[in-house]
Amino acid sequence: MDDHFEIPVVYNGKELSLPARLVSAGYITRIEVTVENDVILFEPDEEGGYRAMFNHLTEIDKTVVPVELLQKIVSVLKSANK
């Protein structure tokens, strides 16, 4: 099984193809998405959506991933999960 795939997202008028992979953690399968140099884990929540978790604390001089982009990624994940 190939656990690597791309997530297509339209953000700020640009079409992005974000690299992603499935990560098993006990009973949960998380989705690891790379946005520029940041790795974000998305895991299912109780409401049927996804919550974003960062693997590290973002340093002050690094770019923070915009909330709107995280919401777009979650929207794509939810639509693919139907």
N, C-alpha and C. Protein backbone atom coordinates (compact mmCIF):
# COMPACT_ATOMS: atom_id res chain seq x y z
N MET A 1 0.84 -1.18 0.00
CA MET A 1 0.00 0.00 0.00
C MET A 1 0.88 1.24 0.00
N ASP A 2 0.62 2.13 -0.95
CA ASP A 2 1.38 3.38 -1.03
C ASP A 2 0.70 4.40 -0.12
N ASP A 3 1.40 4.82 0.91
CA ASP A 3 0.81 5.75 1.86
C ASP A 3 1.14 7.20 1.56
N HIS A 4 1.79 7.48 0.43
CA HIS A 4 2.11 8.84 0.02
C HIS A 4 1.13 9.28 -1.06
N PHE A 5 0.67 10.53 -0.96
CA PHE A 5 -0.25 11.07 -1.95
C PHE A 5 -0.16 12.59 -1.94
N GLU A 6 -0.89 13.23 -2.82
CA GLU A 6 -0.90 14.69 -2.91
C GLU A 6 -2.30 15.20 -2.56
N ILE A 7 -2.35 16.34 -1.88
CA ILE A 7 -3.62 16.98 -1.55
C ILE A 7 -3.73 18.25 -2.40
N PRO A 8 -4.72 18.28 -3.31
CA PRO A 8 -4.90 19.48 -4.14
C PRO A 8 -5.70 20.54 -3.39
N VAL A 9 -5.14 21.75 -3.31
CA VAL A 9 -5.79 22.84 -2.59
C VAL A 9 -5.66 24.11 -3.43
N VAL A 10 -6.75 24.87 -3.53
CA VAL A 10 -6.69 26.19 -4.15
C VAL A 10 -6.67 27.20 -3.02
N TYR A 11 -5.60 27.98 -2.96
CA TYR A 11 -5.43 28.95 -1.88
C TYR A 11 -4.83 30.24 -2.45
N ASN A 12 -5.47 31.36 -2.17
CA ASN A 12 -5.05 32.67 -2.69
C ASN A 12 -4.91 32.66 -4.22
N GLY A 13 -5.83 31.98 -4.88
CA GLY A 13 -5.83 31.94 -6.34
C GLY A 13 -4.78 31.04 -6.95
N LYS A 14 -4.05 30.29 -6.13
CA LYS A 14 -3.02 29.38 -6.63
C LYS A 14 -3.43 27.94 -6.37
N GLU A 15 -3.15 27.09 -7.34
CA GLU A 15 -3.39 25.66 -7.15
C GLU A 15 -2.15 25.04 -6.53
N LEU A 16 -2.31 24.48 -5.34
CA LEU A 16 -1.21 23.83 -4.64
C LEU A 16 -1.41 22.32 -4.64
N SER A 17 -0.34 21.60 -4.67
CA SER A 17 -0.37 20.15 -4.54
C SER A 17 0.56 19.80 -3.37
N LEU A 18 -0.05 19.58 -2.21
CA LEU A 18 0.72 19.39 -0.98
C LEU A 18 1.03 17.91 -0.75
N PRO A 19 2.30 17.57 -0.54
CA PRO A 19 2.65 16.18 -0.27
C PRO A 19 2.09 15.73 1.09
N ALA A 20 1.57 14.52 1.11
CA ALA A 20 0.97 13.99 2.33
C ALA A 20 1.25 12.49 2.43
N ARG A 21 1.09 11.96 3.63
CA ARG A 21 1.21 10.52 3.83
C ARG A 21 0.38 10.10 5.03
N LEU A 22 -0.02 8.84 5.03
CA LEU A 22 -0.78 8.28 6.14
C LEU A 22 0.19 7.82 7.22
N VAL A 23 -0.16 8.08 8.47
CA VAL A 23 0.66 7.67 9.60
C VAL A 23 -0.25 6.98 10.61
N SER A 24 0.01 5.71 10.87
CA SER A 24 -0.79 4.97 11.84
C SER A 24 -0.27 5.23 13.25
N ALA A 25 -1.22 5.49 14.15
CA ALA A 25 -0.88 5.72 15.56
C ALA A 25 -1.93 5.02 16.40
N GLY A 26 -1.68 3.77 16.73
CA GLY A 26 -2.66 3.00 17.49
C GLY A 26 -3.90 2.76 16.66
N TYR A 27 -5.03 3.20 17.16
CA TYR A 27 -6.31 3.03 16.47
C TYR A 27 -6.61 4.17 15.50
N ILE A 28 -5.77 5.18 15.49
CA ILE A 28 -6.01 6.37 14.67
C ILE A 28 -5.04 6.41 13.49
N THR A 29 -5.57 6.79 12.34
CA THR A 29 -4.71 7.06 11.19
C THR A 29 -4.67 8.56 11.00
N ARG A 30 -3.49 9.11 11.15
CA ARG A 30 -3.29 10.55 10.97
C ARG A 30 -2.80 10.79 9.55
N ILE A 31 -2.96 12.02 9.11
CA ILE A 31 -2.48 12.42 7.79
C ILE A 31 -1.43 13.50 8.01
N GLU A 32 -0.23 13.21 7.56
CA GLU A 32 0.89 14.15 7.70
C GLU A 32 0.99 14.95 6.40
N VAL A 33 0.86 16.26 6.50
CA VAL A 33 0.88 17.14 5.33
C VAL A 33 2.05 18.10 5.46
N THR A 34 2.81 18.25 4.39
CA THR A 34 3.94 19.18 4.39
C THR A 34 3.53 20.45 3.65
N VAL A 35 3.60 21.57 4.36
CA VAL A 35 3.32 22.89 3.79
C VAL A 35 4.60 23.68 3.90
N GLU A 36 5.22 23.94 2.74
CA GLU A 36 6.55 24.52 2.68
C GLU A 36 7.48 23.65 3.52
N ASN A 37 8.02 24.14 4.62
CA ASN A 37 8.92 23.32 5.43
C ASN A 37 8.28 22.83 6.72
N ASP A 38 7.00 23.14 6.90
CA ASP A 38 6.30 22.74 8.12
C ASP A 38 5.55 21.43 7.91
N VAL A 39 5.65 20.53 8.86
CA VAL A 39 4.92 19.27 8.83
C VAL A 39 3.76 19.40 9.82
N ILE A 40 2.55 19.16 9.30
CA ILE A 40 1.35 19.28 10.11
C ILE A 40 0.64 17.93 10.12
N LEU A 41 0.27 17.47 11.30
CA LEU A 41 -0.49 16.23 11.42
C LEU A 41 -1.97 16.58 11.56
N PHE A 42 -2.80 15.93 10.76
CA PHE A 42 -4.24 16.08 10.87
C PHE A 42 -4.79 14.76 11.39
N GLU A 43 -5.57 14.83 12.46
CA GLU A 43 -6.18 13.62 13.00
C GLU A 43 -7.68 13.83 13.12
N PRO A 44 -8.45 12.74 12.98
CA PRO A 44 -9.90 12.87 13.08
C PRO A 44 -10.32 13.35 14.47
N ASP A 45 -11.37 14.20 14.49
CA ASP A 45 -11.90 14.64 15.77
C ASP A 45 -13.27 14.02 16.00
N GLU A 46 -13.88 14.32 17.13
CA GLU A 46 -15.15 13.71 17.52
C GLU A 46 -16.31 14.15 16.64
N GLU A 47 -16.22 15.30 15.99
CA GLU A 47 -17.31 15.83 15.17
C GLU A 47 -17.24 15.37 13.71
N GLY A 48 -16.30 14.50 13.38
CA GLY A 48 -16.17 14.04 12.00
C GLY A 48 -15.28 14.91 11.14
N GLY A 49 -14.62 15.87 11.76
CA GLY A 49 -13.69 16.73 11.04
C GLY A 49 -12.26 16.30 11.35
N TYR A 50 -11.34 17.23 11.21
CA TYR A 50 -9.93 16.97 11.51
C TYR A 50 -9.38 18.12 12.32
N ARG A 51 -8.45 17.81 13.23
CA ARG A 51 -7.74 18.85 13.95
C ARG A 51 -6.28 18.83 13.49
N ALA A 52 -5.69 20.01 13.42
CA ALA A 52 -4.31 20.15 12.98
C ALA A 52 -3.40 20.21 14.19
N MET A 53 -2.31 19.44 14.13
CA MET A 53 -1.32 19.44 15.20
C MET A 53 0.06 19.61 14.56
N PHE A 54 0.87 20.45 15.16
CA PHE A 54 2.22 20.67 14.65
C PHE A 54 3.19 19.77 15.39
N ASN A 55 4.19 19.24 14.67
CA ASN A 55 5.20 18.37 15.26
C ASN A 55 6.18 19.15 16.13
N HIS A 56 6.25 20.43 15.92
CA HIS A 56 7.25 21.24 16.63
C HIS A 56 6.64 22.59 16.95
N LEU A 57 7.27 23.31 17.84
CA LEU A 57 6.87 24.69 18.09
C LEU A 57 7.45 25.56 16.99
N THR A 58 6.63 26.36 16.39
CA THR A 58 7.09 27.22 15.31
C THR A 58 7.99 28.31 15.88
N GLU A 59 9.16 28.44 15.29
CA GLU A 59 10.09 29.46 15.74
C GLU A 59 9.59 30.83 15.29
N ILE A 60 9.99 31.86 16.01
CA ILE A 60 9.51 33.21 15.72
C ILE A 60 9.84 33.63 14.30
N ASP A 61 11.01 33.25 13.79
CA ASP A 61 11.42 33.71 12.47
C ASP A 61 10.86 32.84 11.34
N LYS A 62 10.13 31.78 11.65
CA LYS A 62 9.55 30.93 10.61
C LYS A 62 8.17 31.44 10.23
N THR A 63 7.77 31.13 9.01
CA THR A 63 6.44 31.49 8.55
C THR A 63 5.42 30.58 9.21
N VAL A 64 4.36 31.15 9.72
CA VAL A 64 3.28 30.38 10.32
C VAL A 64 2.28 30.05 9.22
N VAL A 65 1.79 28.82 9.22
CA VAL A 65 0.81 28.40 8.23
C VAL A 65 -0.51 29.11 8.52
N PRO A 66 -1.07 29.84 7.55
CA PRO A 66 -2.31 30.58 7.78
C PRO A 66 -3.48 29.64 8.10
N VAL A 67 -4.35 30.11 8.98
CA VAL A 67 -5.52 29.33 9.39
C VAL A 67 -6.39 29.00 8.17
N GLU A 68 -6.51 29.95 7.25
CA GLU A 68 -7.35 29.73 6.07
C GLU A 68 -6.84 28.55 5.25
N LEU A 69 -5.52 28.40 5.15
CA LEU A 69 -4.95 27.27 4.42
C LEU A 69 -5.24 25.97 5.15
N LEU A 70 -5.11 25.97 6.47
CA LEU A 70 -5.44 24.78 7.25
C LEU A 70 -6.90 24.39 7.04
N GLN A 71 -7.79 25.37 7.00
CA GLN A 71 -9.21 25.09 6.77
C GLN A 71 -9.45 24.50 5.39
N LYS A 72 -8.74 24.98 4.39
CA LYS A 72 -8.87 24.43 3.03
C LYS A 72 -8.42 22.97 3.00
N ILE A 73 -7.32 22.67 3.68
CA ILE A 73 -6.82 21.29 3.73
C ILE A 73 -7.85 20.39 4.40
N VAL A 74 -8.40 20.84 5.53
CA VAL A 74 -9.42 20.07 6.23
C VAL A 74 -10.63 19.84 5.34
N SER A 75 -11.02 20.83 4.59
CA SER A 75 -12.16 20.69 3.68
C SER A 75 -11.91 19.60 2.65
N VAL A 76 -10.71 19.56 2.10
CA VAL A 76 -10.36 18.52 1.11
C VAL A 76 -10.35 17.15 1.77
N LEU A 77 -9.79 17.06 2.98
CA LEU A 77 -9.75 15.77 3.69
C LEU A 77 -11.15 15.27 3.99
N LYS A 78 -12.04 16.16 4.44
CA LYS A 78 -13.41 15.76 4.77
C LYS A 78 -14.14 15.29 3.52
N SER A 79 -13.96 15.99 2.39
CA SER A 79 -14.67 15.59 1.17
C SER A 79 -14.14 14.26 0.63
N ALA A 80 -12.87 13.98 0.85
CA ALA A 80 -12.29 12.70 0.39
C ALA A 80 -12.72 11.54 1.29
N ASN A 81 -13.14 11.86 2.51
CA ASN A 81 -13.50 10.83 3.48
C ASN A 81 -14.96 10.41 3.38
N LYS A 82 -15.73 11.07 2.52
CA LYS A 82 -17.16 10.74 2.38
C LYS A 82 -17.37 9.49 1.57
